[in-house]
Protein backbone atom coordinates (compact mmCIF):
# COMPACT_ATOMS: atom_id res chain seq x y z
CA MET A 1 145.16 17.55 33.21
CA ARG A 2 146.55 15.96 29.88
CA VAL A 3 143.34 14.51 27.51
CA MET A 4 144.12 11.87 24.91
CA ALA A 5 141.58 11.22 21.87
CA ILE A 6 141.28 8.81 19.10
CA ASP A 7 139.38 8.96 15.93
CA TYR A 8 139.08 4.95 15.39
CA GLY A 9 138.60 4.16 11.94
CA ASP A 10 138.76 1.59 9.11
CA ALA A 11 142.47 1.70 8.15
CA HIS A 12 143.39 4.57 10.14
CA THR A 13 143.17 6.02 13.98
CA GLY A 14 143.93 9.28 14.40
CA VAL A 15 145.36 10.31 18.07
CA ALA A 16 145.65 13.91 19.29
CA LEU A 17 146.47 14.51 22.36
CA SER A 18 146.61 17.82 24.59
CA ASP A 19 148.92 19.65 26.50
CA PRO A 20 149.69 19.20 30.17
CA THR A 21 147.17 21.77 31.29
CA GLY A 22 144.55 20.41 29.29
CA PHE A 23 143.78 23.79 27.85
CA LEU A 24 145.42 23.36 24.21
CA VAL A 25 145.55 20.24 21.42
CA GLY A 26 149.33 19.58 20.98
CA THR A 27 150.45 16.85 19.30
CA THR A 28 149.12 14.31 16.91
CA THR A 29 149.74 11.31 15.12
CA THR A 30 148.43 8.53 13.04
CA ILE A 31 148.28 4.61 13.50
CA ASN A 32 148.10 3.11 9.81
CA SER A 33 146.20 -0.33 10.36
CA TRP A 34 143.09 -2.26 10.36
CA ARG A 35 143.90 -4.63 12.92
CA GLN A 36 142.15 -3.94 15.94
CA GLU A 37 145.00 -5.54 17.89
CA VAL A 38 147.72 -3.41 16.26
CA VAL A 39 145.87 -0.15 17.04
CA VAL A 40 144.79 -1.70 20.38
CA ASP A 41 148.53 -2.31 21.58
CA ARG A 42 149.70 1.26 19.74
CA LEU A 43 147.51 2.82 21.66
CA ALA A 44 148.59 1.16 24.86
CA GLN A 45 152.08 2.19 24.07
CA LEU A 46 151.14 6.06 23.69
CA ILE A 47 149.33 5.91 26.83
CA GLN A 48 152.03 4.87 28.55
CA GLU A 49 154.19 6.90 26.90
CA HIS A 50 152.07 10.09 27.28
CA ARG A 51 150.30 9.12 30.76
CA PRO A 52 147.55 10.88 29.91
CA ASP A 53 144.70 11.42 32.59
CA GLU A 54 141.67 10.68 30.37
CA VAL A 55 141.31 9.22 27.32
CA VAL A 56 138.45 9.92 24.76
CA LEU A 57 137.44 7.63 21.98
CA GLY A 58 135.23 9.06 19.71
CA PHE A 59 131.83 7.45 19.23
CA PRO A 60 129.75 6.87 15.82
CA LYS A 61 126.40 8.85 16.28
CA ASN A 62 123.66 9.30 13.86
CA MET A 63 122.22 12.67 12.96
CA ASP A 64 119.37 11.95 15.08
CA GLY A 65 121.84 11.06 18.21
CA THR A 66 120.98 7.28 17.56
CA ASP A 67 124.00 5.02 17.65
CA GLY A 68 125.77 4.27 14.35
CA ARG A 69 125.77 1.11 12.66
CA LYS A 70 129.59 0.60 14.52
CA ALA A 71 128.37 1.38 17.94
CA ASP A 72 128.93 -2.25 19.01
CA LEU A 73 132.50 -2.34 17.34
CA TYR A 74 133.85 0.77 19.20
CA ARG A 75 132.28 -0.39 22.52
CA GLU A 76 134.34 -3.24 21.76
CA LEU A 77 137.36 -1.37 21.28
CA ALA A 78 136.75 0.71 24.56
CA ALA A 79 136.17 -2.49 26.40
CA GLU A 80 139.54 -4.15 25.01
CA LEU A 81 141.86 -0.51 25.77
CA GLU A 82 140.23 -0.53 29.25
CA GLU A 83 141.22 -3.98 29.99
CA VAL A 84 144.69 -3.23 28.63
CA THR A 85 145.75 0.17 30.34
CA GLY A 86 143.45 0.14 33.33
CA MET A 87 141.96 3.27 32.38
CA LYS A 88 138.36 4.27 31.95
CA ILE A 89 137.67 5.18 28.05
CA VAL A 90 135.44 7.88 27.69
CA LEU A 91 133.19 7.64 24.53
CA TRP A 92 132.46 11.19 22.97
CA ASP A 93 130.06 12.10 20.14
CA GLU A 94 132.07 12.30 16.63
CA ARG A 95 129.63 13.29 14.43
CA ARG A 96 130.59 15.58 11.36
CA THR A 97 134.31 15.39 12.69
CA THR A 98 135.79 13.97 9.30
CA ILE A 99 133.79 15.93 7.30
CA ASP A 100 135.19 18.81 9.09
CA ALA A 101 138.31 17.79 9.40
CA HIS A 102 138.34 17.72 4.97
CA GLN A 103 136.89 20.95 5.52
CA ILE A 104 139.57 22.20 7.63
CA LEU A 105 142.18 20.71 5.23
CA PHE A 106 140.65 21.65 1.92
CA ASN A 107 140.67 25.14 2.61
CA GLN A 108 144.54 25.03 3.96
CA GLY A 109 145.02 24.25 0.48
CA LYS A 110 146.15 20.52 1.03
CA ASP A 111 145.38 17.98 -1.93
CA GLY A 112 143.35 14.58 -1.71
CA ARG A 113 146.49 12.58 -1.49
CA LYS A 114 147.67 14.95 1.86
CA ARG A 115 144.54 15.25 3.13
CA LYS A 116 143.77 11.39 3.56
CA LYS A 117 147.36 11.22 4.85
CA ILE A 118 146.12 13.48 7.90
CA VAL A 119 142.70 13.70 8.10
CA ASP A 120 141.92 11.25 10.63
CA ALA A 121 144.35 12.81 13.05
CA MET A 122 142.68 16.31 12.33
CA ALA A 123 139.51 14.34 13.40
CA ALA A 124 140.86 13.62 16.67
CA SER A 125 142.05 17.31 17.25
CA LEU A 126 138.47 18.27 16.42
CA ILE A 127 137.43 15.42 19.17
CA LEU A 128 139.79 16.60 21.71
CA GLU A 129 139.06 20.32 20.83
CA ASN A 130 135.39 19.57 21.46
CA TYR A 131 135.86 17.45 24.54
CA LEU A 132 137.92 20.01 26.03
CA ASP A 133 135.27 22.83 25.24
CA PHE A 134 132.53 20.89 27.23
CA LYS A 135 135.05 19.99 30.35
CA ARG A 136 135.56 23.64 30.33
CA MET A 137 131.88 24.95 29.77
CA LYS A 138 131.07 22.12 32.74
CA GLN A 139 133.69 24.00 35.17
CA GLU A 140 132.23 27.77 34.50
């Protein structure tokens, strides 16, 4: 079961795709646009190209578990993606993924400019990894 995860951002949107078995995080990419319609169009293309069984959108939550200030924007994006692709979009808690992505890239020795270019794809990978781990634990 192939899963795609999305880390939606103001100017950059990270996308990660699992392998066909849904066991490993595979390819990643970044969509560089602040315009939601451009992001939706590109995501729809990626969904059509890779045909994931599930699409997971990182959803902003505050540390206390309440919805983050951009929650409505993310719900709107999910609804638009569902309409365009016909797929159900799973909203998934993205707390700390960008912070953790920055830390991982820093620990790998990536400088600030390099980190900025790939942090969203790394955050999408972390969202995907968390979701896949959850699915595996649920099956046990």
